[in-house]
Amino acid sequence: MPDAPDSRLPTVSARPPGQDSVRVVSWNIERGFQLPKILEFLRETGADLMLLQEVDLNARRTHCRDIAAELGRALNLNYAFGMEFQELAEGTPAKPAFHGMATLSRWPLSSARIIRFRHQSGFWKPRWYVPDLAVFQRRLGGRIALVAETAICDRKVVTYNLHLESRGDDAVRLAQLNEVLADCQTHADQPVLIIAGDFNFAAGEGAAGKALDEAGFRDAVRSPGHPTTTSHRVIDWIFVSDRLESAGRVHNEVRASDHYPVSATLAPGCTFAPSLRASSASR
């Protein structure tokens, strides 16, 4: 499995927004099965940064489409795609199928990279006694974070697009989250950091919530207890560094996936750079 984002995807030159806030959407789009409805919501919400999980590339189940590329073109956004797994029952030897994350932005993206977690469950690996059928989801690869950088009003913003393990216990997910938090500590220039995605557990509480709080992150959606999936779980989150004002919500009226989109509007947007620097220096 490649440990870098797919470099064959072109970069779209999108016009920066003229608004005074930055809106972030995180959403597990369930492979992109309902692409028209997904596109409708993303277009209507007018988000500036979109962190999407479970994004297909060349998979039979989604008609061999390049979901990230189609969304980028349709929305006129820059994007990066990170390969999480090769889906063994969804492609062919000549045209393998992949599954991963896509980050889309109104501003150019740079320095895209993957953190392939050291801690993995091993559940998805091919095994001789498991038939290579779609229902069993045999895969090569492992859970990742897709990291990308952009600049908003001359301030560097680094996004971490996560899909933590769905199998095993919370200890695996916490270990993966701690790998991300350790990577966050490597930025000496104090950028704005955004960690968002499908955490597959209640990351805003317990040991995970404590680790995020100690690392300087806070919940930007601020909808505690609101289910983010159709199975009534609270597992999709957006966390931000610095003390930005934010207003967020869970869009549980959107039925285009088994997860609901979550969003956070960070204010006052392009005028916040000086106050962010002061806030970072004062911690």
C-alpha atoms as a PDB file:
ATOM      1  CA  MET A   1       0.000   0.000   0.000  1.00  0.00           C
ATOM      2  CA  PRO A   2       1.328   3.475  -0.825  1.00  0.00           C
ATOM      3  CA  ASP A   3       2.154   5.596   2.230  1.00  0.00           C
ATOM      4  CA  ALA A   4       1.602   8.886   0.434  1.00  0.00           C
ATOM      5  CA  PRO A   5      -1.513  10.544  -0.951  1.00  0.00           C
ATOM      6  CA  ASP A   6      -2.395   9.672  -4.536  1.00  0.00           C
ATOM      7  CA  SER A   7      -0.277  12.133  -6.518  1.00  0.00           C
ATOM      8  CA  ARG A   8      -2.024  11.569  -9.862  1.00  0.00           C
ATOM      9  CA  LEU A   9      -5.010  13.631  -8.735  1.00  0.00           C
ATOM     10  CA  PRO A  10      -4.779  17.177 -10.124  1.00  0.00           C
ATOM     11  CA  THR A  11      -4.900  20.298  -7.990  1.00  0.00           C
ATOM     12  CA  VAL A  12      -7.845  22.577  -8.681  1.00  0.00           C
ATOM     13  CA  SER A  13      -7.247  26.330  -8.539  1.00  0.00           C
ATOM     14  CA  ALA A  14     -10.212  27.505  -6.494  1.00  0.00           C
ATOM     15  CA  ARG A  15     -11.049  31.120  -5.648  1.00  0.00           C
ATOM     16  CA  PRO A  16     -10.609  31.912  -1.904  1.00  0.00           C
ATOM     17  CA  PRO A  17     -13.895  32.869  -0.241  1.00  0.00           C
ATOM     18  CA  GLY A  18     -14.737  36.459   0.577  1.00  0.00           C
ATOM     19  CA  GLN A  19     -16.485  35.623   3.849  1.00  0.00           C
ATOM     20  CA  ASP A  20     -15.285  36.399   7.355  1.00  0.00           C
ATOM     21  CA  SER A  21     -15.546  32.898   8.838  1.00  0.00           C
ATOM     22  CA  VAL A  22     -14.193  29.439   8.094  1.00  0.00           C
ATOM     23  CA  ARG A  23     -16.638  26.555   7.933  1.00  0.00           C
ATOM     24  CA  VAL A  24     -15.411  22.985   8.397  1.00  0.00           C
ATOM     25  CA  VAL A  25     -17.400  19.844   7.575  1.00  0.00           C
ATOM     26  CA  SER A  26     -16.419  16.318   8.549  1.00  0.00           C
ATOM     27  CA  TRP A  27     -18.378  13.375   7.171  1.00  0.00           C
ATOM     28  CA  ASN A  28     -18.049   9.642   6.716  1.00  0.00           C
ATOM     29  CA  ILE A  29     -19.783   9.373   3.324  1.00  0.00           C
ATOM     30  CA  GLU A  30     -20.116   5.557   3.339  1.00  0.00           C
ATOM     31  CA  ARG A  31     -18.037   4.961   0.202  1.00  0.00           C
ATOM     32  CA  GLY A  32     -20.018   7.531  -1.789  1.00  0.00           C
ATOM     33  CA  PHE A  33     -22.980   5.256  -2.495  1.00  0.00           C
ATOM     34  CA  GLN A  34     -25.352   8.232  -2.618  1.00  0.00           C
ATOM     35  CA  LEU A  35     -23.066  10.609  -4.458  1.00  0.00           C
ATOM     36  CA  PRO A  36     -25.767  12.984  -5.805  1.00  0.00           C
ATOM     37  CA  LYS A  37     -27.177  13.548  -2.297  1.00  0.00           C
ATOM     38  CA  ILE A  38     -23.664  13.910  -0.861  1.00  0.00           C
ATOM     39  CA  LEU A  39     -22.796  16.494  -3.478  1.00  0.00           C
ATOM     40  CA  GLU A  40     -26.075  18.341  -2.874  1.00  0.00           C
ATOM     41  CA  PHE A  41     -25.350  18.770   0.829  1.00  0.00           C
ATOM     42  CA  LEU A  42     -21.705  19.763   0.342  1.00  0.00           C
ATOM     43  CA  ARG A  43     -22.681  22.319  -2.288  1.00  0.00           C
ATOM     44  CA  GLU A  44     -25.480  23.799  -0.171  1.00  0.00           C
ATOM     45  CA  THR A  45     -23.479  23.963   3.049  1.00  0.00           C
ATOM     46  CA  GLY A  46     -20.792  26.123   1.428  1.00  0.00           C
ATOM     47  CA  ALA A  47     -17.987  24.696   3.568  1.00  0.00           C
ATOM     48  CA  ASP A  48     -14.430  25.946   3.152  1.00  0.00           C
ATOM     49  CA  LEU A  49     -12.726  22.786   4.430  1.00  0.00           C
ATOM     50  CA  MET A  50     -14.217  19.295   4.018  1.00  0.00           C
ATOM     51  CA  LEU A  51     -12.729  16.206   5.640  1.00  0.00           C
ATOM     52  CA  LEU A  52     -14.390  13.084   4.232  1.00  0.00           C
ATOM     53  CA  GLN A  53     -13.928   9.455   5.254  1.00  0.00           C
ATOM     54  CA  GLU A  54     -14.805   6.177   3.486  1.00  0.00           C
ATOM     55  CA  VAL A  55     -14.153   7.530  -0.001  1.00  0.00           C
ATOM     56  CA  ASP A  56     -13.969   4.977  -2.828  1.00  0.00           C
ATOM     57  CA  LEU A  57     -11.638   4.818  -5.807  1.00  0.00           C
ATOM     58  CA  ASN A  58     -12.261   2.279  -8.622  1.00  0.00           C
ATOM     59  CA  ALA A  59     -14.555   0.087  -6.470  1.00  0.00           C
ATOM     60  CA  ARG A  60     -17.257  -1.989  -8.143  1.00  0.00           C
ATOM     61  CA  ARG A  61     -19.746  -1.129  -5.387  1.00  0.00           C
ATOM     62  CA  THR A  62     -19.599   2.552  -6.425  1.00  0.00           C
ATOM     63  CA  HIS A  63     -19.430   1.852 -10.172  1.00  0.00           C
ATOM     64  CA  CYS A  64     -15.632   2.186 -10.379  1.00  0.00           C
ATOM     65  CA  ARG A  65     -15.834   5.946  -9.809  1.00  0.00           C
ATOM     66  CA  ASP A  66     -13.132   8.225  -8.480  1.00  0.00           C
ATOM     67  CA  ILE A  67     -15.284   9.804  -5.767  1.00  0.00           C
ATOM     68  CA  ALA A  68     -12.716  12.334  -4.533  1.00  0.00           C
ATOM     69  CA  ALA A  69     -11.958  13.570  -8.047  1.00  0.00           C
ATOM     70  CA  GLU A  70     -15.635  13.909  -8.923  1.00  0.00           C
ATOM     71  CA  LEU A  71     -16.356  15.919  -5.775  1.00  0.00           C
ATOM     72  CA  GLY A  72     -13.343  18.153  -6.341  1.00  0.00           C
ATOM     73  CA  ARG A  73     -14.365  18.922  -9.911  1.00  0.00           C
ATOM     74  CA  ALA A  74     -18.049  19.419  -9.121  1.00  0.00           C
ATOM     75  CA  LEU A  75     -17.340  21.777  -6.204  1.00  0.00           C
ATOM     76  CA  ASN A  76     -14.290  23.464  -7.799  1.00  0.00           C
ATOM     77  CA  LEU A  77     -12.189  22.689  -4.749  1.00  0.00           C
ATOM     78  CA  ASN A  78      -8.605  21.627  -4.205  1.00  0.00           C
ATOM     79  CA  TYR A  79      -8.338  18.112  -2.812  1.00  0.00           C
ATOM     80  CA  ALA A  80      -6.034  15.354  -1.638  1.00  0.00           C
ATOM     81  CA  PHE A  81      -6.850  11.655  -1.385  1.00  0.00           C
ATOM     82  CA  GLY A  82      -5.175   9.228   1.009  1.00  0.00           C
ATOM     83  CA  MET A  83      -5.368   5.461   0.472  1.00  0.00           C
ATOM     84  CA  GLU A  84      -6.369   3.598   3.609  1.00  0.00           C
ATOM     85  CA  PHE A  85      -7.055   0.123   2.199  1.00  0.00           C
ATOM     86  CA  GLN A  86      -6.897  -1.768  -1.062  1.00  0.00           C
ATOM     87  CA  GLU A  87     -10.307  -3.441  -1.289  1.00  0.00           C
ATOM     88  CA  LEU A  88      -9.465  -6.920  -2.606  1.00  0.00           C
ATOM     89  CA  ALA A  89     -12.994  -7.947  -3.654  1.00  0.00           C
ATOM     90  CA  GLU A  90     -13.838  -4.622  -5.322  1.00  0.00           C
ATOM     91  CA  GLY A  91     -11.224  -4.326  -8.070  1.00  0.00           C
ATOM     92  CA  THR A  92      -9.199  -6.354 -10.575  1.00  0.00           C
ATOM     93  CA  PRO A  93      -5.464  -7.079 -10.867  1.00  0.00           C
ATOM     94  CA  ALA A  94      -5.297  -4.549 -13.697  1.00  0.00           C
ATOM     95  CA  LYS A  95      -7.370  -1.925 -11.890  1.00  0.00           C
ATOM     96  CA  PRO A  96      -7.251  -2.304  -8.106  1.00  0.00           C
ATOM     97  CA  ALA A  97      -9.851  -0.629  -5.896  1.00  0.00           C
ATOM     98  CA  PHE A  98      -9.033   1.581  -2.931  1.00  0.00           C
ATOM     99  CA  HIS A  99     -10.802   3.133   0.028  1.00  0.00           C
ATOM    100  CA  GLY A 100      -9.614   6.120   2.014  1.00  0.00           C
ATOM    101  CA  MET A 101     -10.028   9.757   2.937  1.00  0.00           C
ATOM    102  CA  ALA A 102     -10.371  12.972   0.968  1.00  0.00           C
ATOM    103  CA  THR A 103      -9.663  16.497   2.174  1.00  0.00           C
ATOM    104  CA  LEU A 104     -11.109  19.334   0.083  1.00  0.00           C
ATOM    105  CA  SER A 105     -10.348  23.032   0.458  1.00  0.00           C
ATOM    106  CA  ARG A 106     -11.133  26.420  -1.073  1.00  0.00           C
ATOM    107  CA  TRP A 107      -7.463  27.242  -0.594  1.00  0.00           C
ATOM    108  CA  PRO A 108      -4.562  25.337  -2.199  1.00  0.00           C
ATOM    109  CA  LEU A 109      -3.432  22.272  -0.259  1.00  0.00           C
ATOM    110  CA  SER A 110       0.233  21.421   0.250  1.00  0.00           C
ATOM    111  CA  SER A 111       2.494  18.929   2.016  1.00  0.00           C
ATOM    112  CA  ALA A 112      -0.159  16.205   1.970  1.00  0.00           C
ATOM    113  CA  ARG A 113       1.017  13.037   3.711  1.00  0.00           C
ATOM    114  CA  ILE A 114      -0.267   9.944   5.467  1.00  0.00           C
ATOM    115  CA  ILE A 115       0.232   8.713   8.997  1.00  0.00           C
ATOM    116  CA  ARG A 116      -0.260   4.956   8.812  1.00  0.00           C
ATOM    117  CA  PHE A 117      -0.850   4.013  12.403  1.00  0.00           C
ATOM    118  CA  ARG A 118       1.549   1.671  14.129  1.00  0.00           C
ATOM    119  CA  HIS A 119      -1.359   0.259  16.143  1.00  0.00           C
ATOM    120  CA  GLN A 120      -3.745  -1.750  13.927  1.00  0.00           C
ATOM    121  CA  SER A 121      -6.336  -4.409  14.686  1.00  0.00           C
ATOM    122  CA  GLY A 122      -5.387  -6.885  11.953  1.00  0.00           C
ATOM    123  CA  PHE A 123      -9.081  -7.753  11.539  1.00  0.00           C
ATOM    124  CA  TRP A 124      -9.206  -6.858   7.838  1.00  0.00           C
ATOM    125  CA  LYS A 125      -6.215  -8.880   6.645  1.00  0.00           C
ATOM    126  CA  PRO A 126      -6.719 -11.634   4.040  1.00  0.00           C
ATOM    127  CA  ARG A 127      -6.835 -15.101   5.590  1.00  0.00           C
ATOM    128  CA  TRP A 128      -6.824 -18.439   3.804  1.00  0.00           C
ATOM    129  CA  TYR A 129     -10.057 -19.557   5.487  1.00  0.00           C
ATOM    130  CA  VAL A 130     -12.017 -16.364   4.658  1.00  0.00           C
ATOM    131  CA  PRO A 131     -13.529 -16.273   1.135  1.00  0.00           C
ATOM    132  CA  ASP A 132     -12.485 -13.286  -0.964  1.00  0.00           C
ATOM    133  CA  LEU A 133     -16.016 -11.941  -1.206  1.00  0.00           C
ATOM    134  CA  ALA A 134     -17.199  -8.352  -0.848  1.00  0.00           C
ATOM    135  CA  VAL A 135     -19.236  -9.121   2.272  1.00  0.00           C
ATOM    136  CA  PHE A 136     -16.062 -10.052   4.214  1.00  0.00           C
ATOM    137  CA  GLN A 137     -14.163  -6.855   3.213  1.00  0.00           C
ATOM    138  CA  ARG A 138     -10.722  -8.407   2.953  1.00  0.00           C
ATOM    139  CA  ARG A 139      -8.172  -5.612   2.636  1.00  0.00           C
ATOM    140  CA  LEU A 140      -4.510  -4.687   2.394  1.00  0.00           C
ATOM    141  CA  GLY A 141      -3.308  -1.628   4.274  1.00  0.00           C
ATOM    142  CA  GLY A 142      -4.428  -0.136   7.570  1.00  0.00           C
ATOM    143  CA  ARG A 143      -6.044   2.810   9.283  1.00  0.00           C
ATOM    144  CA  ILE A 144      -4.553   6.211   8.557  1.00  0.00           C
ATOM    145  CA  ALA A 145      -4.716   9.937   9.124  1.00  0.00           C
ATOM    146  CA  LEU A 146      -4.525  12.134   6.025  1.00  0.00           C
ATOM    147  CA  VAL A 147      -2.558  15.274   6.882  1.00  0.00           C
ATOM    148  CA  ALA A 148      -2.659  18.374   4.666  1.00  0.00           C
ATOM    149  CA  GLU A 149      -1.656  22.014   4.996  1.00  0.00           C
ATOM    150  CA  THR A 150      -3.198  25.204   3.710  1.00  0.00           C
ATOM    151  CA  ALA A 151      -2.837  28.927   4.421  1.00  0.00           C
ATOM    152  CA  ILE A 152      -5.808  31.068   5.470  1.00  0.00           C
ATOM    153  CA  CYS A 153      -5.140  34.802   5.806  1.00  0.00           C
ATOM    154  CA  ASP A 154      -1.389  34.145   6.020  1.00  0.00           C
ATOM    155  CA  ARG A 155      -1.829  31.679   8.887  1.00  0.00           C
ATOM    156  CA  LYS A 156      -0.869  28.037   8.319  1.00  0.00           C
ATOM    157  CA  VAL A 157      -3.657  25.560   9.004  1.00  0.00           C
ATOM    158  CA  VAL A 158      -2.918  21.829   9.281  1.00  0.00           C
ATOM    159  CA  THR A 159      -5.789  19.357   8.989  1.00  0.00           C
ATOM    160  CA  TYR A 160      -5.749  15.785  10.292  1.00  0.00           C
ATOM    161  CA  ASN A 161      -8.464  13.711   8.603  1.00  0.00           C
ATOM    162  CA  LEU A 162      -8.981  10.578  10.731  1.00  0.00           C
ATOM    163  CA  HIS A 163     -10.683   7.231  10.433  1.00  0.00           C
ATOM    164  CA  LEU A 164      -9.857   5.294  13.569  1.00  0.00           C
ATOM    165  CA  GLU A 165     -10.310   1.542  13.886  1.00  0.00           C
ATOM    166  CA  SER A 166     -13.869   0.216  14.009  1.00  0.00           C
ATOM    167  CA  ARG A 167     -12.845  -3.198  15.360  1.00  0.00           C
ATOM    168  CA  GLY A 168     -11.310  -4.091  18.699  1.00  0.00           C
ATOM    169  CA  ASP A 169     -11.620  -2.025  21.854  1.00  0.00           C
ATOM    170  CA  ASP A 170     -11.112   1.644  22.635  1.00  0.00           C
ATOM    171  CA  ALA A 171      -7.472   1.032  23.566  1.00  0.00           C
ATOM    172  CA  VAL A 172      -6.588   0.641  19.868  1.00  0.00           C
ATOM    173  CA  ARG A 173      -8.434   3.823  18.945  1.00  0.00           C
ATOM    174  CA  LEU A 174      -6.852   5.763  21.788  1.00  0.00           C
ATOM    175  CA  ALA A 175      -3.401   4.582  20.717  1.00  0.00           C
ATOM    176  CA  GLN A 176      -4.089   5.756  17.157  1.00  0.00           C
ATOM    177  CA  LEU A 177      -5.337   9.130  18.411  1.00  0.00           C
ATOM    178  CA  ASN A 178      -2.200   9.516  20.534  1.00  0.00           C
ATOM    179  CA  GLU A 179      -0.083   8.971  17.413  1.00  0.00           C
ATOM    180  CA  VAL A 180      -1.891  11.919  15.836  1.00  0.00           C
ATOM    181  CA  LEU A 181      -1.435  14.098  18.914  1.00  0.00           C
ATOM    182  CA  ALA A 182       2.273  13.252  18.955  1.00  0.00           C
ATOM    183  CA  ASP A 183       2.533  14.341  15.325  1.00  0.00           C
ATOM    184  CA  CYS A 184       0.760  17.599  16.199  1.00  0.00           C
ATOM    185  CA  GLN A 185       3.559  18.400  18.629  1.00  0.00           C
ATOM    186  CA  THR A 186       6.118  18.428  15.806  1.00  0.00           C
ATOM    187  CA  HIS A 187       4.877  21.758  14.371  1.00  0.00           C
ATOM    188  CA  ALA A 188       7.279  24.382  15.735  1.00  0.00           C
ATOM    189  CA  ASP A 189       5.579  27.264  13.894  1.00  0.00           C
ATOM    190  CA  GLN A 190       2.315  26.991  15.898  1.00  0.00           C
ATOM    191  CA  PRO A 191      -0.214  26.574  13.062  1.00  0.00           C
ATOM    192  CA  VAL A 192      -3.936  26.234  13.608  1.00  0.00           C
ATOM    193  CA  LEU A 193      -4.579  22.487  13.943  1.00  0.00           C
ATOM    194  CA  ILE A 194      -7.837  20.762  13.044  1.00  0.00           C
ATOM    195  CA  ILE A 195      -8.422  17.098  13.940  1.00  0.00           C
ATOM    196  CA  ALA A 196     -11.662  15.719  12.519  1.00  0.00           C
ATOM    197  CA  GLY A 197     -13.216  12.524  11.271  1.00  0.00           C
ATOM    198  CA  ASP A 198     -14.763   9.220  12.239  1.00  0.00           C
ATOM    199  CA  PHE A 199     -13.193   8.385  15.608  1.00  0.00           C
ATOM    200  CA  ASN A 200     -15.336   5.270  16.142  1.00  0.00           C
ATOM    201  CA  PHE A 201     -15.634   6.117  19.842  1.00  0.00           C
ATOM    202  CA  ALA A 202     -16.661   8.936  22.157  1.00  0.00           C
ATOM    203  CA  ALA A 203     -13.494  10.967  21.725  1.00  0.00           C
ATOM    204  CA  GLY A 204     -14.830  13.951  23.655  1.00  0.00           C
ATOM    205  CA  GLU A 205     -14.802  12.165  27.008  1.00  0.00           C
ATOM    206  CA  GLY A 206     -12.753   9.783  29.117  1.00  0.00           C
ATOM    207  CA  ALA A 207      -9.084   9.191  28.369  1.00  0.00           C
ATOM    208  CA  ALA A 208      -9.424  10.490  24.808  1.00  0.00           C
ATOM    209  CA  GLY A 209     -11.085  13.712  25.928  1.00  0.00           C
ATOM    210  CA  LYS A 210      -8.376  14.220  28.545  1.00  0.00           C
ATOM    211  CA  ALA A 211      -5.582  13.628  26.010  1.00  0.00           C
ATOM    212  CA  LEU A 212      -7.120  16.113  23.563  1.00  0.00           C
ATOM    213  CA  ASP A 213      -7.653  18.707  26.271  1.00  0.00           C
ATOM    214  CA  GLU A 214      -4.078  18.380  27.533  1.00  0.00           C
ATOM    215  CA  ALA A 215      -2.833  18.798  23.960  1.00  0.00           C
ATOM    216  CA  GLY A 216      -4.755  22.075  23.648  1.00  0.00           C
ATOM    217  CA  PHE A 217      -7.735  20.885  21.574  1.00  0.00           C
ATOM    218  CA  ARG A 218     -11.411  21.504  22.145  1.00  0.00           C
ATOM    219  CA  ASP A 219     -14.662  20.282  20.649  1.00  0.00           C
ATOM    220  CA  ALA A 220     -15.679  22.733  17.899  1.00  0.00           C
ATOM    221  CA  VAL A 221     -19.075  21.137  17.174  1.00  0.00           C
ATOM    222  CA  ARG A 222     -20.222  21.370  20.800  1.00  0.00           C
ATOM    223  CA  SER A 223     -23.206  19.065  20.432  1.00  0.00           C
ATOM    224  CA  PRO A 224     -22.539  16.573  23.250  1.00  0.00           C
ATOM    225  CA  GLY A 225     -24.732  13.516  23.183  1.00  0.00           C
ATOM    226  CA  HIS A 226     -26.134  14.185  19.716  1.00  0.00           C
ATOM    227  CA  PRO A 227     -25.861  10.956  17.672  1.00  0.00           C
ATOM    228  CA  THR A 228     -23.720  11.244  14.557  1.00  0.00           C
ATOM    229  CA  THR A 229     -24.760   7.936  12.991  1.00  0.00           C
ATOM    230  CA  THR A 230     -28.031   6.308  12.037  1.00  0.00           C
ATOM    231  CA  SER A 231     -27.284   3.689  14.720  1.00  0.00           C
ATOM    232  CA  HIS A 232     -27.323   6.482  17.352  1.00  0.00           C
ATOM    233  CA  ARG A 233     -23.609   6.509  18.130  1.00  0.00           C
ATOM    234  CA  VAL A 234     -21.617   9.669  18.926  1.00  0.00           C
ATOM    235  CA  ILE A 235     -18.371   9.023  17.042  1.00  0.00           C
ATOM    236  CA  ASP A 236     -17.801  11.878  14.554  1.00  0.00           C
ATOM    237  CA  TRP A 237     -15.939  14.936  15.847  1.00  0.00           C
ATOM    238  CA  ILE A 238     -14.128  18.156  14.952  1.00  0.00           C
ATOM    239  CA  PHE A 239     -11.457  19.381  17.368  1.00  0.00           C
ATOM    240  CA  VAL A 240      -9.485  22.614  16.946  1.00  0.00           C
ATOM    241  CA  SER A 241      -6.423  24.078  18.592  1.00  0.00           C
ATOM    242  CA  ASP A 242      -6.283  27.639  19.902  1.00  0.00           C
ATOM    243  CA  ARG A 243      -9.288  29.312  21.457  1.00  0.00           C
ATOM    244  CA  LEU A 244     -11.333  30.049  18.372  1.00  0.00           C
ATOM    245  CA  GLU A 245     -14.975  30.961  18.695  1.00  0.00           C
ATOM    246  CA  SER A 246     -17.067  28.261  17.027  1.00  0.00           C
ATOM    247  CA  ALA A 247     -20.632  27.259  16.342  1.00  0.00           C
ATOM    248  CA  GLY A 248     -21.358  23.707  15.252  1.00  0.00           C
ATOM    249  CA  ARG A 249     -24.057  21.178  14.687  1.00  0.00           C
ATOM    250  CA  VAL A 250     -24.865  17.612  13.695  1.00  0.00           C
ATOM    251  CA  HIS A 251     -26.816  17.567  10.420  1.00  0.00           C
ATOM    252  CA  ASN A 252     -29.108  14.665  11.297  1.00  0.00           C
ATOM    253  CA  GLU A 253     -31.589  15.666   8.610  1.00  0.00           C
ATOM    254  CA  VAL A 254     -29.109  14.554   5.919  1.00  0.00           C
ATOM    255  CA  ARG A 255     -29.720  10.902   4.984  1.00  0.00           C
ATOM    256  CA  ALA A 256     -27.022  10.233   2.405  1.00  0.00           C
ATOM    257  CA  SER A 257     -24.821   7.914   4.511  1.00  0.00           C
ATOM    258  CA  ASP A 258     -24.908   5.843   7.686  1.00  0.00           C
ATOM    259  CA  HIS A 259     -23.205   8.851   9.315  1.00  0.00           C
ATOM    260  CA  TYR A 260     -24.475  12.406   9.567  1.00  0.00           C
ATOM    261  CA  PRO A 261     -22.246  15.324   8.567  1.00  0.00           C
ATOM    262  CA  VAL A 262     -20.912  17.424  11.429  1.00  0.00           C
ATOM    263  CA  SER A 263     -19.884  21.040  10.913  1.00  0.00           C
ATOM    264  CA  ALA A 264     -18.200  23.858  12.800  1.00  0.00           C
ATOM    265  CA  THR A 265     -18.000  27.506  11.798  1.00  0.00           C
ATOM    266  CA  LEU A 266     -14.835  29.119  13.123  1.00  0.00           C
ATOM    267  CA  ALA A 267     -15.015  32.885  13.590  1.00  0.00           C
ATOM    268  CA  PRO A 268     -14.104  35.573  12.923  1.00  0.00           C
ATOM    269  CA  GLY A 269     -12.353  33.849  10.010  1.00  0.00           C
ATOM    270  CA  CYS A 270      -9.875  35.928   8.044  1.00  0.00           C
ATOM    271  CA  THR A 271      -9.566  38.540  10.778  1.00  0.00           C
ATOM    272  CA  PHE A 272      -8.498  36.040  13.435  1.00  0.00           C
ATOM    273  CA  ALA A 273      -4.785  35.710  12.602  1.00  0.00           C
ATOM    274  CA  PRO A 274      -3.409  38.267  15.122  1.00  0.00           C
ATOM    275  CA  SER A 275      -5.579  37.014  17.975  1.00  0.00           C
ATOM    276  CA  LEU A 276      -4.586  33.424  17.253  1.00  0.00           C
ATOM    277  CA  ARG A 277      -0.918  34.303  17.503  1.00  0.00           C
ATOM    278  CA  ALA A 278      -1.549  36.039  20.824  1.00  0.00           C
ATOM    279  CA  SER A 279      -3.552  33.075  22.094  1.00  0.00           C
ATOM    280  CA  SER A 280      -0.828  30.605  21.079  1.00  0.00           C
ATOM    281  CA  ALA A 281       1.873  32.696  22.726  1.00  0.00           C
ATOM    282  CA  SER A 282      -0.079  32.978  25.969  1.00  0.00           C
ATOM    283  CA  ARG A 283      -0.555  29.258  26.556  1.00  0.00           C
END
